[in-house]
Amino acid sequence: GDLRVLLPLAEACERTECRESAWRYLELAVTLHPREGEVRQRAARLLMSLGRFAEARSHWQVLLELQPGHELARQARQATRNEALGLLWARRSLFITGKSPILVTEVFLPGVLTL
């Protein structure tokens, strides 16, 4: 249950496109360390990349309770409420450089429209 083990394992899984496995490590980290802001933020971001917006929203909410001034958490929580789900836009791009493909997933929050 040590974060020094769980977080690097989750990160390694994400780097190898094993997001569901990464979620299992982060889920355990959240269970064992529910008030750790970094764990909540990583969990929320990963869940958003998996398209699990309702679950991500609960992690953003807890992060806001832990860190009331966390701007990204505030924006993401607002963007992932049920009524706003239709406003989210995401894309995946595959880049091939040499022998190593890179898959990039981008999730754009509604605030991007005002930039």
Protein backbone atom coordinates (compact mmCIF):
# COMPACT_ATOMS: atom_id res chain seq x y z
CA GLY A 1 0.00 0.00 0.00
CA ASP A 2 3.02 2.30 -0.26
CA LEU A 3 2.53 5.25 -2.63
CA ARG A 4 6.23 5.05 -3.55
CA VAL A 5 5.39 1.69 -5.16
CA LEU A 6 1.81 2.15 -6.37
CA LEU A 7 2.24 5.45 -8.22
CA PRO A 8 5.29 4.38 -10.27
CA LEU A 9 3.52 1.12 -11.16
CA ALA A 10 0.48 3.05 -12.35
CA GLU A 11 2.69 5.43 -14.33
CA ALA A 12 4.55 2.54 -15.96
CA CYS A 13 1.26 0.96 -16.99
CA GLU A 14 0.05 4.24 -18.50
CA ARG A 15 3.27 4.62 -20.50
CA THR A 16 2.71 1.19 -22.02
CA GLU A 17 -0.95 1.93 -22.83
CA CYS A 18 -2.23 -0.42 -20.10
CA ARG A 19 -4.65 2.14 -18.69
CA GLU A 20 -6.99 -0.39 -17.06
CA SER A 21 -4.04 -1.89 -15.18
CA ALA A 22 -2.92 1.62 -14.22
CA TRP A 23 -6.41 2.24 -12.87
CA ARG A 24 -6.18 -0.85 -10.63
CA TYR A 25 -3.01 0.54 -8.99
CA LEU A 26 -4.53 4.00 -8.61
CA GLU A 27 -7.78 2.54 -7.28
CA LEU A 28 -5.79 0.76 -4.57
CA ALA A 29 -3.85 3.96 -3.85
CA VAL A 30 -7.12 5.89 -3.45
CA THR A 31 -8.52 3.23 -1.13
CA LEU A 32 -5.41 3.27 1.07
CA HIS A 33 -4.76 7.04 0.88
CA PRO A 34 -8.14 8.72 0.24
CA ARG A 35 -7.00 12.19 1.38
CA GLU A 36 -3.87 12.35 -0.79
CA GLY A 37 -4.42 15.09 -3.40
CA GLU A 38 -1.88 13.81 -5.91
CA VAL A 39 -3.53 10.38 -5.92
CA ARG A 40 -6.97 11.92 -6.50
CA GLN A 41 -5.69 14.08 -9.34
CA ARG A 42 -3.96 11.16 -11.07
CA ALA A 43 -7.06 9.01 -10.64
CA ALA A 44 -9.32 11.70 -12.10
CA ARG A 45 -7.07 12.31 -15.09
CA LEU A 46 -6.74 8.62 -15.86
CA LEU A 47 -10.49 8.05 -15.57
CA MET A 48 -11.09 10.96 -17.96
CA SER A 49 -8.68 9.41 -20.46
CA LEU A 50 -10.74 6.21 -20.17
CA GLY A 51 -13.95 8.17 -20.83
CA ARG A 52 -15.25 7.46 -17.33
CA PHE A 53 -16.27 11.06 -16.65
CA ALA A 54 -18.79 10.46 -13.84
CA GLU A 55 -16.19 8.55 -11.82
CA ALA A 56 -13.55 11.18 -12.54
CA ARG A 57 -15.90 13.88 -11.28
CA SER A 58 -16.03 12.33 -7.81
CA HIS A 59 -12.23 12.44 -7.59
CA TRP A 60 -12.15 16.07 -8.74
CA GLN A 61 -14.76 16.84 -6.06
CA VAL A 62 -12.65 15.27 -3.29
CA LEU A 63 -9.58 17.09 -4.59
CA LEU A 64 -11.50 20.36 -4.36
CA GLU A 65 -12.45 19.54 -0.77
CA LEU A 66 -8.79 18.85 0.03
CA GLN A 67 -7.47 21.83 -1.93
CA PRO A 68 -10.29 24.40 -2.38
CA GLY A 69 -8.25 26.64 -4.68
CA HIS A 70 -7.30 23.89 -7.16
CA GLU A 71 -8.38 25.52 -10.45
CA LEU A 72 -8.01 22.47 -12.71
CA ALA A 73 -10.14 20.40 -10.31
CA ARG A 74 -12.82 23.10 -10.29
CA GLN A 75 -12.93 23.30 -14.09
CA ALA A 76 -12.89 19.53 -14.56
CA ARG A 77 -15.59 18.94 -11.96
CA GLN A 78 -17.78 21.50 -13.70
CA ALA A 79 -17.05 20.02 -17.13
CA THR A 80 -17.88 16.48 -16.07
CA ARG A 81 -21.26 17.11 -14.51
CA ASN A 82 -23.97 15.11 -16.27
CA GLU A 83 -25.44 18.07 -18.15
CA ALA A 84 -22.04 19.09 -19.49
CA LEU A 85 -20.91 15.70 -20.79
CA GLY A 86 -22.05 16.65 -24.26
CA LEU A 87 -19.74 19.67 -24.16
CA LEU A 88 -16.55 17.65 -23.78
CA TRP A 89 -14.45 16.97 -26.80
CA ALA A 90 -11.56 14.55 -27.02
CA ARG A 91 -9.30 13.12 -29.66
CA ARG A 92 -6.63 10.50 -30.01
CA SER A 93 -3.70 10.86 -32.38
CA LEU A 94 -1.12 8.26 -33.32
CA PHE A 95 2.33 9.55 -34.14
CA ILE A 96 5.00 7.27 -35.53
CA THR A 97 8.58 8.44 -35.20
CA GLY A 98 11.13 5.86 -36.13
CA LYS A 99 10.20 2.52 -34.63
CA SER A 100 8.18 3.81 -31.66
CA PRO A 101 4.51 4.76 -32.04
CA ILE A 102 3.11 7.36 -29.64
CA LEU A 103 -0.62 7.47 -28.89
CA VAL A 104 -1.74 10.85 -27.55
CA THR A 105 -5.15 11.30 -25.92
CA GLU A 106 -6.36 14.87 -25.42
CA VAL A 107 -9.51 15.81 -23.49
CA PHE A 108 -10.54 19.44 -23.93
CA LEU A 109 -12.48 21.16 -21.19
CA PRO A 110 -15.19 23.69 -22.18
CA GLY A 111 -12.93 26.57 -21.10
CA VAL A 112 -10.76 25.95 -24.17
CA LEU A 113 -13.45 27.72 -26.22
CA THR A 114 -12.75 31.00 -24.41
CA LEU A 115 -8.98 31.03 -24.96
